[in-house]
Amino acid sequence: MSREKSLIKNTAIVAVGQIGTKFISFFLLPLYTAVLTTYEYGITDLLNTYVSLLMPLIFFQADQAIFRFLIDYRQKEAAKQQLLSTVFLTVIVQAIVYLLLFGIISPFIQNPYKYFLATNVISTMFANLMLQVSRGLGDNVTYSLGSLVSGAGTIILNILFILVVKWGAYGMLIATMLANVFCFFFVFYRLKVNRYIKISFWNTEMLREVWNYSVPLIPNALSWWIISASDRTIVTYFLGISINGVYSASNKFSVIIVTLFSIFYLTWTESASLTINDEDSSDYFSIIINQTIKLFVSVCLLVIAVMPFVFNYMITGEGFAGAYLQIPILILATLFNIAVSLLGSI
């Protein structure tokens, strides 16, 4: 099978598990903006932003490393056992240390939702770790199903906790945590990862190799956080959490484009890793990147063009009307994000 056909096939498989649940989540935006206050919506968005900041600092981008190394170890059982045992056991130790430090610091944090900074960071990391294991092993079907479990679980639990139980922001945060837990156990047992993990397989040299790859990725992850998430902190500090809720709602429209690209990006990074040493890799990369940018320029223009017709149906709360004028700017920023991500994967 040609590289292009393989890329299209893998993208289609991943899309099955991701596109449906992510777009259903988008279409639940009217529920969120109608039932939650701008404060509740803003605080959940802010906490999720801090989760994305803490993960690389605590776990050293272990999920990215395990994906990259597993690509090279697919046919080496002993190397897979050493890698998975070393990374999983190390991540467990890091999670325990984080919980201890959080327990010391938490009395000084004045926020009723602060404990979700502990639970959601850890649950998200372990879910991501399992999903990257499935990608690294070349099992995109399991990756797709795991994503489906996570996405569907988030949606169902959000409806249950917000509409039925009426837990508000607590409900959204609990739903996210539980959905990640479900995803972890589903992929773990489907791939039978337990057969690879034993304390005796833990290897210091392997850990050194993993950290040599992953630790330099931390500044990169933090830079992306500054670009994509620090705006929430600034908006909250100067304008308040309620305005951050409005800003978050406006971001949901650019999320349509980000979701489409993220599905392709997952398989593109794998394809780039597998073909980087081919003689014609430069030509292959140029063709894929040029065609992808053309496609997403068209998608961005389409979303902006239909916005006057759909905005009032998607954003139903009166307090969220200010989101309208922010949407085109955020969509343009997303386009530059896509261009940088394509090059960054190489």
C-alpha atoms as a PDB file:
ATOM      1  CA  MET A   1       0.000   0.000   0.000  1.00  0.00           C
ATOM      2  CA  SER A   2       1.350   3.457  -0.934  1.00  0.00           C
ATOM      3  CA  ARG A   3       2.165   5.978   1.766  1.00  0.00           C
ATOM      4  CA  GLU A   4      -0.660   8.256   0.654  1.00  0.00           C
ATOM      5  CA  LYS A   5      -3.251   5.459   0.723  1.00  0.00           C
ATOM      6  CA  SER A   6      -2.016   4.258   4.101  1.00  0.00           C
ATOM      7  CA  LEU A   7      -2.278   7.825   5.445  1.00  0.00           C
ATOM      8  CA  ILE A   8      -5.848   8.154   4.169  1.00  0.00           C
ATOM      9  CA  LYS A   9      -6.830   4.735   5.560  1.00  0.00           C
ATOM     10  CA  ASN A  10      -5.412   5.438   9.024  1.00  0.00           C
ATOM     11  CA  THR A  11      -7.007   8.886   9.082  1.00  0.00           C
ATOM     12  CA  ALA A  12     -10.391   7.342   8.266  1.00  0.00           C
ATOM     13  CA  ILE A  13     -10.015   4.774  11.077  1.00  0.00           C
ATOM     14  CA  VAL A  14      -9.078   7.433  13.632  1.00  0.00           C
ATOM     15  CA  ALA A  15     -11.894   9.681  12.404  1.00  0.00           C
ATOM     16  CA  VAL A  16     -14.506   7.042  13.241  1.00  0.00           C
ATOM     17  CA  GLY A  17     -13.638   7.243  16.921  1.00  0.00           C
ATOM     18  CA  GLN A  18     -13.053  10.976  17.180  1.00  0.00           C
ATOM     19  CA  ILE A  19     -15.116  13.040  14.804  1.00  0.00           C
ATOM     20  CA  GLY A  20     -18.538  11.887  15.971  1.00  0.00           C
ATOM     21  CA  THR A  21     -18.021  12.394  19.684  1.00  0.00           C
ATOM     22  CA  LYS A  22     -16.131  15.665  19.287  1.00  0.00           C
ATOM     23  CA  PHE A  23     -18.784  17.182  17.069  1.00  0.00           C
ATOM     24  CA  ILE A  24     -21.566  15.941  19.339  1.00  0.00           C
ATOM     25  CA  SER A  25     -19.722  17.746  22.135  1.00  0.00           C
ATOM     26  CA  PHE A  26     -19.752  20.885  20.002  1.00  0.00           C
ATOM     27  CA  PHE A  27     -23.469  20.585  19.388  1.00  0.00           C
ATOM     28  CA  LEU A  28     -23.983  20.332  23.148  1.00  0.00           C
ATOM     29  CA  LEU A  29     -22.715  23.912  23.360  1.00  0.00           C
ATOM     30  CA  PRO A  30     -26.308  25.250  23.477  1.00  0.00           C
ATOM     31  CA  LEU A  31     -26.874  23.057  26.556  1.00  0.00           C
ATOM     32  CA  TYR A  32     -23.776  24.355  28.307  1.00  0.00           C
ATOM     33  CA  THR A  33     -24.451  28.015  27.544  1.00  0.00           C
ATOM     34  CA  ALA A  34     -28.139  27.692  28.472  1.00  0.00           C
ATOM     35  CA  VAL A  35     -27.766  25.752  31.740  1.00  0.00           C
ATOM     36  CA  LEU A  36     -24.403  26.925  33.092  1.00  0.00           C
ATOM     37  CA  THR A  37     -23.635  30.461  34.148  1.00  0.00           C
ATOM     38  CA  THR A  38     -20.784  32.300  32.450  1.00  0.00           C
ATOM     39  CA  TYR A  39     -18.856  31.893  35.737  1.00  0.00           C
ATOM     40  CA  GLU A  40     -19.302  28.097  35.796  1.00  0.00           C
ATOM     41  CA  TYR A  41     -18.405  27.743  32.133  1.00  0.00           C
ATOM     42  CA  GLY A  42     -15.412  30.022  32.595  1.00  0.00           C
ATOM     43  CA  ILE A  43     -14.056  28.192  35.657  1.00  0.00           C
ATOM     44  CA  THR A  44     -14.225  24.749  34.003  1.00  0.00           C
ATOM     45  CA  ASP A  45     -12.434  26.103  30.945  1.00  0.00           C
ATOM     46  CA  LEU A  46      -9.773  27.695  33.152  1.00  0.00           C
ATOM     47  CA  LEU A  47      -9.170  24.494  35.129  1.00  0.00           C
ATOM     48  CA  ASN A  48      -8.868  22.457  31.927  1.00  0.00           C
ATOM     49  CA  THR A  49      -6.323  25.020  30.758  1.00  0.00           C
ATOM     50  CA  TYR A  50      -4.239  24.482  33.899  1.00  0.00           C
ATOM     51  CA  VAL A  51      -4.461  20.718  33.439  1.00  0.00           C
ATOM     52  CA  SER A  52      -2.819  21.100  30.023  1.00  0.00           C
ATOM     53  CA  LEU A  53      -0.091  23.219  31.638  1.00  0.00           C
ATOM     54  CA  LEU A  54       0.672  20.809  34.483  1.00  0.00           C
ATOM     55  CA  MET A  55       0.812  17.578  32.469  1.00  0.00           C
ATOM     56  CA  PRO A  56       4.152  18.157  30.686  1.00  0.00           C
ATOM     57  CA  LEU A  57       5.705  19.609  33.851  1.00  0.00           C
ATOM     58  CA  ILE A  58       4.750  16.586  35.957  1.00  0.00           C
ATOM     59  CA  PHE A  59       5.069  13.694  33.509  1.00  0.00           C
ATOM     60  CA  PHE A  60       7.827  14.963  31.173  1.00  0.00           C
ATOM     61  CA  GLN A  61       5.842  14.308  27.964  1.00  0.00           C
ATOM     62  CA  ALA A  62       6.019  10.549  28.590  1.00  0.00           C
ATOM     63  CA  ASP A  63       3.030   9.887  26.322  1.00  0.00           C
ATOM     64  CA  GLN A  64       4.799  11.468  23.342  1.00  0.00           C
ATOM     65  CA  ALA A  65       7.970   9.494  24.017  1.00  0.00           C
ATOM     66  CA  ILE A  66       6.235   6.138  24.332  1.00  0.00           C
ATOM     67  CA  PHE A  67       4.547   6.640  20.954  1.00  0.00           C
ATOM     68  CA  ARG A  68       7.819   7.531  19.214  1.00  0.00           C
ATOM     69  CA  PHE A  69       9.821   4.656  20.704  1.00  0.00           C
ATOM     70  CA  LEU A  70       7.130   2.038  20.124  1.00  0.00           C
ATOM     71  CA  ILE A  71       7.212   2.801  16.400  1.00  0.00           C
ATOM     72  CA  ASP A  72      10.797   1.534  16.361  1.00  0.00           C
ATOM     73  CA  TYR A  73      10.100  -1.383  18.727  1.00  0.00           C
ATOM     74  CA  ARG A  74       7.018  -2.863  17.035  1.00  0.00           C
ATOM     75  CA  GLN A  75       8.864  -6.052  16.108  1.00  0.00           C
ATOM     76  CA  LYS A  76      11.004  -6.238  19.271  1.00  0.00           C
ATOM     77  CA  GLU A  77       9.140  -7.857  22.167  1.00  0.00           C
ATOM     78  CA  ALA A  78      11.902  -7.481  24.746  1.00  0.00           C
ATOM     79  CA  ALA A  79      12.341  -3.789  23.939  1.00  0.00           C
ATOM     80  CA  LYS A  80       8.572  -3.225  24.202  1.00  0.00           C
ATOM     81  CA  GLN A  81       8.515  -4.867  27.627  1.00  0.00           C
ATOM     82  CA  GLN A  82      11.378  -2.701  28.865  1.00  0.00           C
ATOM     83  CA  LEU A  83       9.864   0.482  27.423  1.00  0.00           C
ATOM     84  CA  LEU A  84       6.317  -0.022  28.695  1.00  0.00           C
ATOM     85  CA  SER A  85       7.404  -1.236  32.135  1.00  0.00           C
ATOM     86  CA  THR A  86       9.873   1.616  32.563  1.00  0.00           C
ATOM     87  CA  VAL A  87       7.487   4.356  31.428  1.00  0.00           C
ATOM     88  CA  PHE A  88       4.403   3.092  33.287  1.00  0.00           C
ATOM     89  CA  LEU A  89       6.169   2.509  36.579  1.00  0.00           C
ATOM     90  CA  THR A  90       7.905   5.888  36.340  1.00  0.00           C
ATOM     91  CA  VAL A  91       4.630   7.670  35.591  1.00  0.00           C
ATOM     92  CA  ILE A  92       3.009   6.008  38.624  1.00  0.00           C
ATOM     93  CA  VAL A  93       5.835   7.307  40.845  1.00  0.00           C
ATOM     94  CA  GLN A  94       5.491  10.782  39.304  1.00  0.00           C
ATOM     95  CA  ALA A  95       1.732  10.731  39.970  1.00  0.00           C
ATOM     96  CA  ILE A  96       2.289   9.812  43.632  1.00  0.00           C
ATOM     97  CA  VAL A  97       4.866  12.596  44.067  1.00  0.00           C
ATOM     98  CA  TYR A  98       2.464  15.066  42.427  1.00  0.00           C
ATOM     99  CA  LEU A  99      -0.356  14.075  44.790  1.00  0.00           C
ATOM    100  CA  LEU A 100       1.920  14.540  47.808  1.00  0.00           C
ATOM    101  CA  LEU A 101       3.028  17.983  46.616  1.00  0.00           C
ATOM    102  CA  PHE A 102      -0.553  18.943  45.793  1.00  0.00           C
ATOM    103  CA  GLY A 103      -1.624  17.923  49.296  1.00  0.00           C
ATOM    104  CA  ILE A 104       0.989  20.299  50.735  1.00  0.00           C
ATOM    105  CA  ILE A 105       0.084  23.224  48.443  1.00  0.00           C
ATOM    106  CA  SER A 106      -3.720  22.828  48.263  1.00  0.00           C
ATOM    107  CA  PRO A 107      -4.499  24.605  51.587  1.00  0.00           C
ATOM    108  CA  PHE A 108      -3.110  27.783  50.021  1.00  0.00           C
ATOM    109  CA  ILE A 109      -5.341  27.513  46.904  1.00  0.00           C
ATOM    110  CA  GLN A 110      -8.634  29.313  47.407  1.00  0.00           C
ATOM    111  CA  ASN A 111     -10.848  27.662  44.825  1.00  0.00           C
ATOM    112  CA  PRO A 112     -13.763  25.241  45.444  1.00  0.00           C
ATOM    113  CA  TYR A 113     -12.799  23.206  42.361  1.00  0.00           C
ATOM    114  CA  LYS A 114      -9.076  22.938  43.159  1.00  0.00           C
ATOM    115  CA  TYR A 115      -9.019  19.177  43.749  1.00  0.00           C
ATOM    116  CA  PHE A 116      -9.813  18.574  40.099  1.00  0.00           C
ATOM    117  CA  LEU A 117      -6.323  19.898  39.329  1.00  0.00           C
ATOM    118  CA  ALA A 118      -5.103  16.685  40.968  1.00  0.00           C
ATOM    119  CA  THR A 119      -7.619  14.123  39.752  1.00  0.00           C
ATOM    120  CA  ASN A 120      -8.001  15.389  36.191  1.00  0.00           C
ATOM    121  CA  VAL A 121      -4.274  15.821  35.548  1.00  0.00           C
ATOM    122  CA  ILE A 122      -3.614  12.198  36.511  1.00  0.00           C
ATOM    123  CA  SER A 123      -6.643  10.682  34.779  1.00  0.00           C
ATOM    124  CA  THR A 124      -5.910  12.626  31.579  1.00  0.00           C
ATOM    125  CA  MET A 125      -2.269  11.542  31.592  1.00  0.00           C
ATOM    126  CA  PHE A 126      -3.025   7.840  31.980  1.00  0.00           C
ATOM    127  CA  ALA A 127      -5.721   7.980  29.297  1.00  0.00           C
ATOM    128  CA  ASN A 128      -3.322   9.754  26.916  1.00  0.00           C
ATOM    129  CA  LEU A 129      -0.589   7.258  27.732  1.00  0.00           C
ATOM    130  CA  MET A 130      -2.776   4.306  26.769  1.00  0.00           C
ATOM    131  CA  LEU A 131      -3.969   5.973  23.582  1.00  0.00           C
ATOM    132  CA  GLN A 132      -0.373   6.661  22.535  1.00  0.00           C
ATOM    133  CA  VAL A 133       0.542   3.037  23.287  1.00  0.00           C
ATOM    134  CA  SER A 134      -2.130   1.873  20.859  1.00  0.00           C
ATOM    135  CA  ARG A 135      -0.827   4.291  18.218  1.00  0.00           C
ATOM    136  CA  GLY A 136       2.757   3.243  18.801  1.00  0.00           C
ATOM    137  CA  LEU A 137       1.829  -0.405  18.366  1.00  0.00           C
ATOM    138  CA  GLY A 138       0.094   0.476  15.094  1.00  0.00           C
ATOM    139  CA  ASP A 139      -3.362  -0.418  16.415  1.00  0.00           C
ATOM    140  CA  ASN A 140      -5.325   2.587  15.188  1.00  0.00           C
ATOM    141  CA  VAL A 141      -8.608   0.685  15.598  1.00  0.00           C
ATOM    142  CA  THR A 142      -8.074   0.454  19.364  1.00  0.00           C
ATOM    143  CA  TYR A 143      -7.020   4.098  19.420  1.00  0.00           C
ATOM    144  CA  SER A 144     -10.233   5.009  17.630  1.00  0.00           C
ATOM    145  CA  LEU A 145     -12.373   2.919  19.984  1.00  0.00           C
ATOM    146  CA  GLY A 146     -10.611   4.326  23.041  1.00  0.00           C
ATOM    147  CA  SER A 147     -11.263   7.853  21.811  1.00  0.00           C
ATOM    148  CA  LEU A 148     -14.883   6.894  21.239  1.00  0.00           C
ATOM    149  CA  VAL A 149     -15.184   5.617  24.813  1.00  0.00           C
ATOM    150  CA  SER A 150     -13.671   8.829  26.164  1.00  0.00           C
ATOM    151  CA  GLY A 151     -15.758  11.146  23.993  1.00  0.00           C
ATOM    152  CA  ALA A 152     -19.054   9.321  24.402  1.00  0.00           C
ATOM    153  CA  GLY A 153     -18.460   8.972  28.141  1.00  0.00           C
ATOM    154  CA  THR A 154     -17.840  12.705  28.466  1.00  0.00           C
ATOM    155  CA  ILE A 155     -21.023  13.570  26.608  1.00  0.00           C
ATOM    156  CA  ILE A 156     -23.302  11.086  28.408  1.00  0.00           C
ATOM    157  CA  LEU A 157     -21.933  11.953  31.842  1.00  0.00           C
ATOM    158  CA  ASN A 158     -22.176  15.686  31.144  1.00  0.00           C
ATOM    159  CA  ILE A 159     -25.848  15.349  30.281  1.00  0.00           C
ATOM    160  CA  LEU A 160     -26.428  13.208  33.381  1.00  0.00           C
ATOM    161  CA  PHE A 161     -24.530  15.432  35.814  1.00  0.00           C
ATOM    162  CA  ILE A 162     -25.651  18.798  34.412  1.00  0.00           C
ATOM    163  CA  LEU A 163     -29.277  18.181  33.449  1.00  0.00           C
ATOM    164  CA  VAL A 164     -30.338  15.366  35.774  1.00  0.00           C
ATOM    165  CA  VAL A 165     -28.204  15.712  38.895  1.00  0.00           C
ATOM    166  CA  LYS A 166     -27.657  19.480  38.367  1.00  0.00           C
ATOM    167  CA  TRP A 167     -24.077  19.557  39.610  1.00  0.00           C
ATOM    168  CA  GLY A 168     -23.078  22.412  37.281  1.00  0.00           C
ATOM    169  CA  ALA A 169     -19.334  22.941  36.934  1.00  0.00           C
ATOM    170  CA  TYR A 170     -18.660  20.050  39.330  1.00  0.00           C
ATOM    171  CA  GLY A 171     -20.570  17.788  36.967  1.00  0.00           C
ATOM    172  CA  MET A 172     -18.502  18.793  33.930  1.00  0.00           C
ATOM    173  CA  LEU A 173     -15.220  18.228  35.744  1.00  0.00           C
ATOM    174  CA  ILE A 174     -16.282  14.872  37.212  1.00  0.00           C
ATOM    175  CA  ALA A 175     -17.510  13.765  33.777  1.00  0.00           C
ATOM    176  CA  THR A 176     -14.113  14.542  32.236  1.00  0.00           C
ATOM    177  CA  MET A 177     -12.276  12.615  34.943  1.00  0.00           C
ATOM    178  CA  LEU A 178     -14.485   9.510  34.704  1.00  0.00           C
ATOM    179  CA  ALA A 179     -14.397   9.473  30.899  1.00  0.00           C
ATOM    180  CA  ASN A 180     -10.592   9.394  31.023  1.00  0.00           C
ATOM    181  CA  VAL A 181     -10.687   6.537  33.552  1.00  0.00           C
ATOM    182  CA  PHE A 182     -13.029   4.543  31.290  1.00  0.00           C
ATOM    183  CA  CYS A 183     -10.737   5.170  28.323  1.00  0.00           C
ATOM    184  CA  PHE A 184      -7.663   3.995  30.224  1.00  0.00           C
ATOM    185  CA  PHE A 185      -9.171   0.703  31.375  1.00  0.00           C
ATOM    186  CA  PHE A 186     -10.755  -0.018  27.995  1.00  0.00           C
ATOM    187  CA  VAL A 187      -7.483   0.330  26.056  1.00  0.00           C
ATOM    188  CA  PHE A 188      -5.420  -1.308  28.812  1.00  0.00           C
ATOM    189  CA  TYR A 189      -7.496  -4.494  28.785  1.00  0.00           C
ATOM    190  CA  ARG A 190      -8.111  -4.555  25.032  1.00  0.00           C
ATOM    191  CA  LEU A 191      -4.363  -4.442  24.315  1.00  0.00           C
ATOM    192  CA  LYS A 192      -3.542  -6.653  27.323  1.00  0.00           C
ATOM    193  CA  VAL A 193      -0.848  -4.189  28.343  1.00  0.00           C
ATOM    194  CA  ASN A 194      -0.401  -6.001  31.661  1.00  0.00           C
ATOM    195  CA  ARG A 195       1.641  -8.690  29.858  1.00  0.00           C
ATOM    196  CA  TYR A 196       4.305  -6.085  29.098  1.00  0.00           C
ATOM    197  CA  ILE A 197       4.573  -4.574  32.579  1.00  0.00           C
ATOM    198  CA  LYS A 198       6.682  -6.077  35.338  1.00  0.00           C
ATOM    199  CA  ILE A 199       8.892  -4.425  37.914  1.00  0.00           C
ATOM    200  CA  SER A 200      11.795  -6.631  36.792  1.00  0.00           C
ATOM    201  CA  PHE A 201      11.577  -5.120  33.282  1.00  0.00           C
ATOM    202  CA  TRP A 202      12.230  -1.592  34.592  1.00  0.00           C
ATOM    203  CA  ASN A 203      15.488  -0.349  33.058  1.00  0.00           C
ATOM    204  CA  THR A 204      17.535   2.712  33.993  1.00  0.00           C
ATOM    205  CA  GLU A 205      19.137   3.013  30.568  1.00  0.00           C
ATOM    206  CA  MET A 206      15.745   2.874  28.899  1.00  0.00           C
ATOM    207  CA  LEU A 207      14.469   5.637  31.180  1.00  0.00           C
ATOM    208  CA  ARG A 208      17.492   7.759  30.286  1.00  0.00           C
ATOM    209  CA  GLU A 209      16.767   7.303  26.561  1.00  0.00           C
ATOM    210  CA  VAL A 210      13.103   8.160  27.035  1.00  0.00           C
ATOM    211  CA  TRP A 211      13.861  11.301  29.034  1.00  0.00           C
ATOM    212  CA  ASN A 212      16.552  12.362  26.555  1.00  0.00           C
ATOM    213  CA  TYR A 213      13.785  12.431  23.973  1.00  0.00           C
ATOM    214  CA  SER A 214      10.875  13.711  26.063  1.00  0.00           C
ATOM    215  CA  VAL A 215      12.396  16.336  28.374  1.00  0.00           C
ATOM    216  CA  PRO A 216      13.372  18.668  25.473  1.00  0.00           C
ATOM    217  CA  LEU A 217       9.716  18.523  24.421  1.00  0.00           C
ATOM    218  CA  ILE A 218       8.635  20.210  27.678  1.00  0.00           C
ATOM    219  CA  PRO A 219       9.585  23.771  26.588  1.00  0.00           C
ATOM    220  CA  ASN A 220       7.802  23.101  23.311  1.00  0.00           C
ATOM    221  CA  ALA A 221       4.641  22.028  25.142  1.00  0.00           C
ATOM    222  CA  LEU A 222       4.839  25.051  27.439  1.00  0.00           C
ATOM    223  CA  SER A 223       5.266  27.346  24.449  1.00  0.00           C
ATOM    224  CA  TRP A 224       2.094  25.914  22.912  1.00  0.00           C
ATOM    225  CA  TRP A 225       0.355  26.412  26.243  1.00  0.00           C
ATOM    226  CA  ILE A 226       1.403  30.078  26.287  1.00  0.00           C
ATOM    227  CA  ILE A 227       0.101  30.510  22.738  1.00  0.00           C
ATOM    228  CA  SER A 228      -3.168  28.651  23.136  1.00  0.00           C
ATOM    229  CA  ALA A 229      -4.071  28.903  26.807  1.00  0.00           C
ATOM    230  CA  SER A 230      -2.447  31.835  28.581  1.00  0.00           C
ATOM    231  CA  ASP A 231      -5.097  34.113  27.088  1.00  0.00           C
ATOM    232  CA  ARG A 232      -7.621  32.544  29.492  1.00  0.00           C
ATOM    233  CA  THR A 233      -5.480  33.519  32.463  1.00  0.00           C
ATOM    234  CA  ILE A 234      -5.034  37.083  31.181  1.00  0.00           C
ATOM    235  CA  VAL A 235      -8.735  37.486  30.370  1.00  0.00           C
ATOM    236  CA  THR A 236      -9.693  36.120  33.791  1.00  0.00           C
ATOM    237  CA  TYR A 237      -7.219  38.363  35.638  1.00  0.00           C
ATOM    238  CA  PHE A 238      -8.236  41.615  33.933  1.00  0.00           C
ATOM    239  CA  LEU A 239     -11.877  41.007  32.953  1.00  0.00           C
ATOM    240  CA  GLY A 240     -13.105  38.230  35.249  1.00  0.00           C
ATOM    241  CA  ILE A 241     -14.121  34.581  34.982  1.00  0.00           C
ATOM    242  CA  SER A 242     -17.497  35.422  33.404  1.00  0.00           C
ATOM    243  CA  ILE A 243     -15.839  37.120  30.429  1.00  0.00           C
ATOM    244  CA  ASN A 244     -13.538  34.119  30.141  1.00  0.00           C
ATOM    245  CA  GLY A 245     -16.699  32.027  29.767  1.00  0.00           C
ATOM    246  CA  VAL A 246     -17.749  34.200  26.815  1.00  0.00           C
ATOM    247  CA  TYR A 247     -14.270  33.916  25.295  1.00  0.00           C
ATOM    248  CA  SER A 248     -14.328  30.157  25.779  1.00  0.00           C
ATOM    249  CA  ALA A 249     -17.658  29.913  23.952  1.00  0.00           C
ATOM    250  CA  SER A 250     -16.207  31.796  20.976  1.00  0.00           C
ATOM    251  CA  ASN A 251     -13.307  29.335  20.887  1.00  0.00           C
ATOM    252  CA  LYS A 252     -15.687  26.432  20.320  1.00  0.00           C
ATOM    253  CA  PHE A 253     -16.127  27.400  16.671  1.00  0.00           C
ATOM    254  CA  SER A 254     -12.428  27.252  15.900  1.00  0.00           C
ATOM    255  CA  VAL A 255     -12.495  23.888  17.698  1.00  0.00           C
ATOM    256  CA  ILE A 256     -14.411  22.541  14.677  1.00  0.00           C
ATOM    257  CA  ILE A 257     -11.333  23.154  12.540  1.00  0.00           C
ATOM    258  CA  VAL A 258      -8.918  22.012  15.239  1.00  0.00           C
ATOM    259  CA  THR A 259     -10.880  18.757  15.589  1.00  0.00           C
ATOM    260  CA  LEU A 260     -10.724  18.036  11.873  1.00  0.00           C
ATOM    261  CA  PHE A 261      -7.011  18.769  11.774  1.00  0.00           C
ATOM    262  CA  SER A 262      -6.200  16.844  14.969  1.00  0.00           C
ATOM    263  CA  ILE A 263      -7.641  13.677  13.427  1.00  0.00           C
ATOM    264  CA  PHE A 264      -5.375  14.035  10.400  1.00  0.00           C
ATOM    265  CA  TYR A 265      -2.422  15.169  12.522  1.00  0.00           C
ATOM    266  CA  LEU A 266      -2.399  11.958  14.561  1.00  0.00           C
ATOM    267  CA  THR A 267      -1.868   9.805  11.488  1.00  0.00           C
ATOM    268  CA  TRP A 268       0.380  12.380   9.822  1.00  0.00           C
ATOM    269  CA  THR A 269       2.887  12.271  12.707  1.00  0.00           C
ATOM    270  CA  GLU A 270       3.029   8.489  12.444  1.00  0.00           C
ATOM    271  CA  SER A 271       3.511   8.653   8.680  1.00  0.00           C
ATOM    272  CA  ALA A 272       6.221  11.306   9.030  1.00  0.00           C
ATOM    273  CA  SER A 273       8.056   9.192  11.615  1.00  0.00           C
ATOM    274  CA  LEU A 274       7.963   6.107   9.416  1.00  0.00           C
ATOM    275  CA  THR A 275       9.077   7.842   6.193  1.00  0.00           C
ATOM    276  CA  ILE A 276      11.533  10.478   7.448  1.00  0.00           C
ATOM    277  CA  ASN A 277      14.518   8.445   6.194  1.00  0.00           C
ATOM    278  CA  ASP A 278      13.082   7.625   2.745  1.00  0.00           C
ATOM    279  CA  GLU A 279      14.966   9.056  -0.231  1.00  0.00           C
ATOM    280  CA  ASP A 280      11.951  10.987  -1.508  1.00  0.00           C
ATOM    281  CA  SER A 281      10.690  12.079   1.919  1.00  0.00           C
ATOM    282  CA  SER A 282      11.103  15.788   1.106  1.00  0.00           C
ATOM    283  CA  ASP A 283       8.846  15.500  -1.947  1.00  0.00           C
ATOM    284  CA  TYR A 284       6.291  13.484   0.017  1.00  0.00           C
ATOM    285  CA  PHE A 285       6.232  16.010   2.861  1.00  0.00           C
ATOM    286  CA  SER A 286       5.872  18.951   0.466  1.00  0.00           C
ATOM    287  CA  ILE A 287       2.908  17.422  -1.337  1.00  0.00           C
ATOM    288  CA  ILE A 288       1.048  16.514   1.871  1.00  0.00           C
ATOM    289  CA  ILE A 289       1.697  19.863   3.570  1.00  0.00           C
ATOM    290  CA  ASN A 290       0.668  21.956   0.540  1.00  0.00           C
ATOM    291  CA  GLN A 291      -2.546  20.021  -0.001  1.00  0.00           C
ATOM    292  CA  THR A 292      -3.426  20.091   3.707  1.00  0.00           C
ATOM    293  CA  ILE A 293      -2.974  23.859   3.986  1.00  0.00           C
ATOM    294  CA  LYS A 294      -5.140  24.440   0.894  1.00  0.00           C
ATOM    295  CA  LEU A 295      -7.857  22.229   2.370  1.00  0.00           C
ATOM    296  CA  PHE A 296      -7.947  23.990   5.735  1.00  0.00           C
ATOM    297  CA  VAL A 297      -7.861  27.479   4.233  1.00  0.00           C
ATOM    298  CA  SER A 298     -11.076  26.475   2.474  1.00  0.00           C
ATOM    299  CA  VAL A 299     -12.573  25.063   5.682  1.00  0.00           C
ATOM    300  CA  CYS A 300     -11.732  28.264   7.619  1.00  0.00           C
ATOM    301  CA  LEU A 301     -13.397  30.447   4.993  1.00  0.00           C
ATOM    302  CA  LEU A 302     -16.474  28.202   5.008  1.00  0.00           C
ATOM    303  CA  VAL A 303     -16.884  28.392   8.797  1.00  0.00           C
ATOM    304  CA  ILE A 304     -16.580  32.187   8.777  1.00  0.00           C
ATOM    305  CA  ALA A 305     -19.071  32.456   5.910  1.00  0.00           C
ATOM    306  CA  VAL A 306     -21.819  30.452   7.673  1.00  0.00           C
ATOM    307  CA  MET A 307     -21.347  32.101  11.063  1.00  0.00           C
ATOM    308  CA  PRO A 308     -24.049  34.799  10.602  1.00  0.00           C
ATOM    309  CA  PHE A 309     -26.604  32.049   9.977  1.00  0.00           C
ATOM    310  CA  VAL A 310     -25.749  29.629  12.798  1.00  0.00           C
ATOM    311  CA  PHE A 311     -24.398  31.699  15.689  1.00  0.00           C
ATOM    312  CA  ASN A 312     -27.738  32.481  17.343  1.00  0.00           C
ATOM    313  CA  TYR A 313     -28.734  28.803  17.206  1.00  0.00           C
ATOM    314  CA  MET A 314     -25.482  27.567  18.747  1.00  0.00           C
ATOM    315  CA  ILE A 315     -25.065  30.249  21.429  1.00  0.00           C
ATOM    316  CA  THR A 316     -28.368  30.587  23.271  1.00  0.00           C
ATOM    317  CA  GLY A 317     -27.480  32.342  26.531  1.00  0.00           C
ATOM    318  CA  GLU A 318     -27.874  36.128  26.516  1.00  0.00           C
ATOM    319  CA  GLY A 319     -24.598  36.660  28.346  1.00  0.00           C
ATOM    320  CA  PHE A 320     -22.616  35.007  25.530  1.00  0.00           C
ATOM    321  CA  ALA A 321     -23.530  37.412  22.698  1.00  0.00           C
ATOM    322  CA  GLY A 322     -20.099  39.068  22.817  1.00  0.00           C
ATOM    323  CA  ALA A 323     -18.493  35.892  21.466  1.00  0.00           C
ATOM    324  CA  TYR A 324     -19.570  36.647  17.879  1.00  0.00           C
ATOM    325  CA  LEU A 325     -16.890  39.200  16.975  1.00  0.00           C
ATOM    326  CA  GLN A 326     -14.037  37.084  18.356  1.00  0.00           C
ATOM    327  CA  ILE A 327     -14.695  34.054  16.147  1.00  0.00           C
ATOM    328  CA  PRO A 328     -13.017  35.140  12.842  1.00  0.00           C
ATOM    329  CA  ILE A 329      -9.823  36.200  14.657  1.00  0.00           C
ATOM    330  CA  LEU A 330      -9.595  32.869  16.478  1.00  0.00           C
ATOM    331  CA  ILE A 331     -10.205  30.927  13.263  1.00  0.00           C
ATOM    332  CA  LEU A 332      -7.380  32.812  11.533  1.00  0.00           C
ATOM    333  CA  ALA A 333      -5.091  31.975  14.463  1.00  0.00           C
ATOM    334  CA  THR A 334      -6.072  28.323  14.092  1.00  0.00           C
ATOM    335  CA  LEU A 335      -4.934  28.350  10.473  1.00  0.00           C
ATOM    336  CA  PHE A 336      -1.429  29.466  11.486  1.00  0.00           C
ATOM    337  CA  ASN A 337      -1.486  26.832  14.229  1.00  0.00           C
ATOM    338  CA  ILE A 338      -2.141  24.173  11.590  1.00  0.00           C
ATOM    339  CA  ALA A 339       0.763  25.322   9.417  1.00  0.00           C
ATOM    340  CA  VAL A 340       3.188  25.252  12.355  1.00  0.00           C
ATOM    341  CA  SER A 341       1.982  21.825  13.524  1.00  0.00           C
ATOM    342  CA  LEU A 342       2.533  20.291  10.092  1.00  0.00           C
ATOM    343  CA  LEU A 343       6.132  21.462  10.056  1.00  0.00           C
ATOM    344  CA  GLY A 344       6.701  20.687  13.725  1.00  0.00           C
ATOM    345  CA  SER A 345       5.848  17.013  13.309  1.00  0.00           C
ATOM    346  CA  ILE A 346       8.771  16.652  10.900  1.00  0.00           C
END
